[in-house]
Amino acid sequence: MKNTHKKFLLRKRKENERNLRHYANTNENYYQFDVVLILLCSEFVICVLEIQSG
C-alpha cells in the first residue's frame, strides 16, 4: 500500500514540474511577442513623425 502511494506522489511531482516548465515557456513566448509588438509600434510612430515633419 505504501509503495503505490509513493509512486503516485512521485508521478504527481513530475507532472507538476512539467506544468511549471510549460507555464514558464508560454510566459517567455508572450514576453517575446510583447517585445515584437513594442518594436513594431515604435517603428510605426517614428515613420509617422518623419512623414509629418516632412
N, C-alpha and C. Protein backbone atom coordinates (compact mmCIF):
# COMPACT_ATOMS: atom_id res chain seq x y z
N MET A 1 0.83 -1.21 0.00
CA MET A 1 0.00 0.00 0.00
C MET A 1 0.87 1.26 0.00
N LYS A 2 1.88 1.27 0.86
CA LYS A 2 2.75 2.45 0.95
C LYS A 2 3.50 2.68 -0.36
N ASN A 3 3.95 1.62 -0.97
CA ASN A 3 4.75 1.73 -2.19
C ASN A 3 3.97 2.41 -3.32
N THR A 4 2.74 2.01 -3.51
CA THR A 4 1.94 2.61 -4.58
C THR A 4 1.68 4.08 -4.28
N HIS A 5 1.52 4.41 -3.01
CA HIS A 5 1.30 5.80 -2.61
C HIS A 5 2.52 6.64 -2.96
N LYS A 6 3.71 6.10 -2.69
CA LYS A 6 4.95 6.80 -3.03
C LYS A 6 5.06 7.03 -4.53
N LYS A 7 4.77 6.00 -5.30
CA LYS A 7 4.84 6.11 -6.76
C LYS A 7 3.88 7.19 -7.26
N PHE A 8 2.71 7.22 -6.67
CA PHE A 8 1.72 8.21 -7.07
C PHE A 8 2.23 9.62 -6.79
N LEU A 9 2.82 9.80 -5.61
CA LEU A 9 3.34 11.13 -5.25
C LEU A 9 4.48 11.55 -6.18
N LEU A 10 5.35 10.60 -6.51
CA LEU A 10 6.45 10.90 -7.42
C LEU A 10 5.92 11.31 -8.79
N ARG A 11 4.94 10.56 -9.26
CA ARG A 11 4.37 10.87 -10.56
C ARG A 11 3.71 12.25 -10.52
N LYS A 12 3.03 12.54 -9.44
CA LYS A 12 2.35 13.83 -9.27
C LYS A 12 3.38 14.97 -9.31
N ARG A 13 4.50 14.77 -8.63
CA ARG A 13 5.53 15.80 -8.58
C ARG A 13 6.11 16.04 -9.98
N LYS A 14 6.32 14.97 -10.74
CA LYS A 14 6.84 15.10 -12.11
C LYS A 14 5.86 15.87 -12.99
N GLU A 15 4.57 15.58 -12.82
CA GLU A 15 3.56 16.29 -13.61
C GLU A 15 3.57 17.78 -13.27
N ASN A 16 3.71 18.08 -11.99
CA ASN A 16 3.75 19.49 -11.58
C ASN A 16 4.96 20.20 -12.18
N GLU A 17 6.11 19.52 -12.17
CA GLU A 17 7.31 20.11 -12.77
C GLU A 17 7.09 20.40 -14.24
N ARG A 18 6.48 19.44 -14.92
CA ARG A 18 6.23 19.60 -16.36
C ARG A 18 5.30 20.80 -16.58
N ASN A 19 4.25 20.92 -15.76
CA ASN A 19 3.32 22.03 -15.90
C ASN A 19 4.02 23.36 -15.66
N LEU A 20 4.88 23.40 -14.66
CA LEU A 20 5.61 24.63 -14.36
C LEU A 20 6.50 25.01 -15.53
N ARG A 21 7.18 24.00 -16.08
CA ARG A 21 8.07 24.27 -17.21
C ARG A 21 7.27 24.79 -18.39
N HIS A 22 6.13 24.17 -18.64
CA HIS A 22 5.26 24.60 -19.74
C HIS A 22 4.78 26.03 -19.52
N TYR A 23 4.42 26.34 -18.28
CA TYR A 23 3.95 27.69 -17.95
C TYR A 23 5.07 28.71 -18.18
N ALA A 24 6.27 28.36 -17.77
CA ALA A 24 7.42 29.26 -17.96
C ALA A 24 7.66 29.50 -19.45
N ASN A 25 7.56 28.43 -20.25
CA ASN A 25 7.77 28.57 -21.70
C ASN A 25 6.73 29.47 -22.33
N THR A 26 5.47 29.29 -21.99
CA THR A 26 4.42 30.12 -22.59
C THR A 26 4.60 31.56 -22.15
N ASN A 27 5.00 31.76 -20.91
CA ASN A 27 5.23 33.11 -20.40
C ASN A 27 6.33 33.79 -21.20
N GLU A 28 7.39 33.04 -21.48
CA GLU A 28 8.52 33.56 -22.24
C GLU A 28 8.06 33.95 -23.65
N ASN A 29 7.22 33.11 -24.25
CA ASN A 29 6.72 33.40 -25.59
C ASN A 29 5.87 34.66 -25.61
N TYR A 30 5.04 34.84 -24.58
CA TYR A 30 4.24 36.06 -24.51
C TYR A 30 5.15 37.27 -24.40
N TYR A 31 6.20 37.14 -23.59
CA TYR A 31 7.12 38.26 -23.40
C TYR A 31 7.79 38.63 -24.73
N GLN A 32 8.24 37.62 -25.47
CA GLN A 32 8.88 37.89 -26.77
C GLN A 32 7.87 38.53 -27.72
N PHE A 33 6.65 38.08 -27.67
CA PHE A 33 5.60 38.64 -28.53
C PHE A 33 5.38 40.12 -28.18
N ASP A 34 5.36 40.43 -26.87
CA ASP A 34 5.21 41.82 -26.43
C ASP A 34 6.35 42.69 -26.95
N VAL A 35 7.56 42.18 -26.89
CA VAL A 35 8.72 42.93 -27.37
C VAL A 35 8.59 43.23 -28.86
N VAL A 36 8.16 42.23 -29.63
CA VAL A 36 7.98 42.43 -31.07
C VAL A 36 6.91 43.50 -31.32
N LEU A 37 5.82 43.43 -30.57
CA LEU A 37 4.75 44.43 -30.74
C LEU A 37 5.26 45.83 -30.42
N ILE A 38 6.02 45.97 -29.34
CA ILE A 38 6.56 47.28 -28.95
C ILE A 38 7.48 47.81 -30.03
N LEU A 39 8.33 46.95 -30.57
CA LEU A 39 9.24 47.38 -31.64
C LEU A 39 8.47 47.83 -32.88
N LEU A 40 7.44 47.07 -33.24
CA LEU A 40 6.62 47.44 -34.41
C LEU A 40 5.94 48.78 -34.19
N CYS A 41 5.40 48.98 -33.00
CA CYS A 41 4.71 50.24 -32.69
C CYS A 41 5.69 51.41 -32.73
N SER A 42 6.87 51.23 -32.18
CA SER A 42 7.84 52.32 -32.18
C SER A 42 8.29 52.65 -33.61
N GLU A 43 8.46 51.62 -34.44
CA GLU A 43 8.80 51.85 -35.85
C GLU A 43 7.70 52.67 -36.53
N PHE A 44 6.46 52.29 -36.26
CA PHE A 44 5.32 52.98 -36.86
C PHE A 44 5.28 54.45 -36.44
N VAL A 45 5.50 54.69 -35.14
CA VAL A 45 5.48 56.06 -34.62
C VAL A 45 6.59 56.88 -35.26
N ILE A 46 7.78 56.31 -35.38
CA ILE A 46 8.91 57.02 -36.00
C ILE A 46 8.57 57.37 -37.45
N CYS A 47 7.98 56.43 -38.19
CA CYS A 47 7.61 56.70 -39.59
C CYS A 47 6.60 57.82 -39.68
N VAL A 48 5.59 57.80 -38.81
CA VAL A 48 4.55 58.83 -38.83
C VAL A 48 5.16 60.20 -38.53
N LEU A 49 6.04 60.25 -37.53
CA LEU A 49 6.68 61.53 -37.17
C LEU A 49 7.53 62.05 -38.33
N GLU A 50 8.24 61.16 -39.00
CA GLU A 50 9.08 61.58 -40.13
C GLU A 50 8.22 62.13 -41.26
N ILE A 51 7.08 61.49 -41.51
CA ILE A 51 6.18 61.94 -42.58
C ILE A 51 5.61 63.32 -42.22
N GLN A 52 5.22 63.47 -40.96
CA GLN A 52 4.62 64.74 -40.53
C GLN A 52 5.63 65.89 -40.61
N SER A 53 6.87 65.61 -40.22
CA SER A 53 7.89 66.68 -40.21
C SER A 53 8.39 66.96 -41.63
N GLY A 54 8.08 66.07 -42.55
CA GLY A 54 8.42 66.26 -43.96
C GLY A 54 9.84 65.92 -44.21
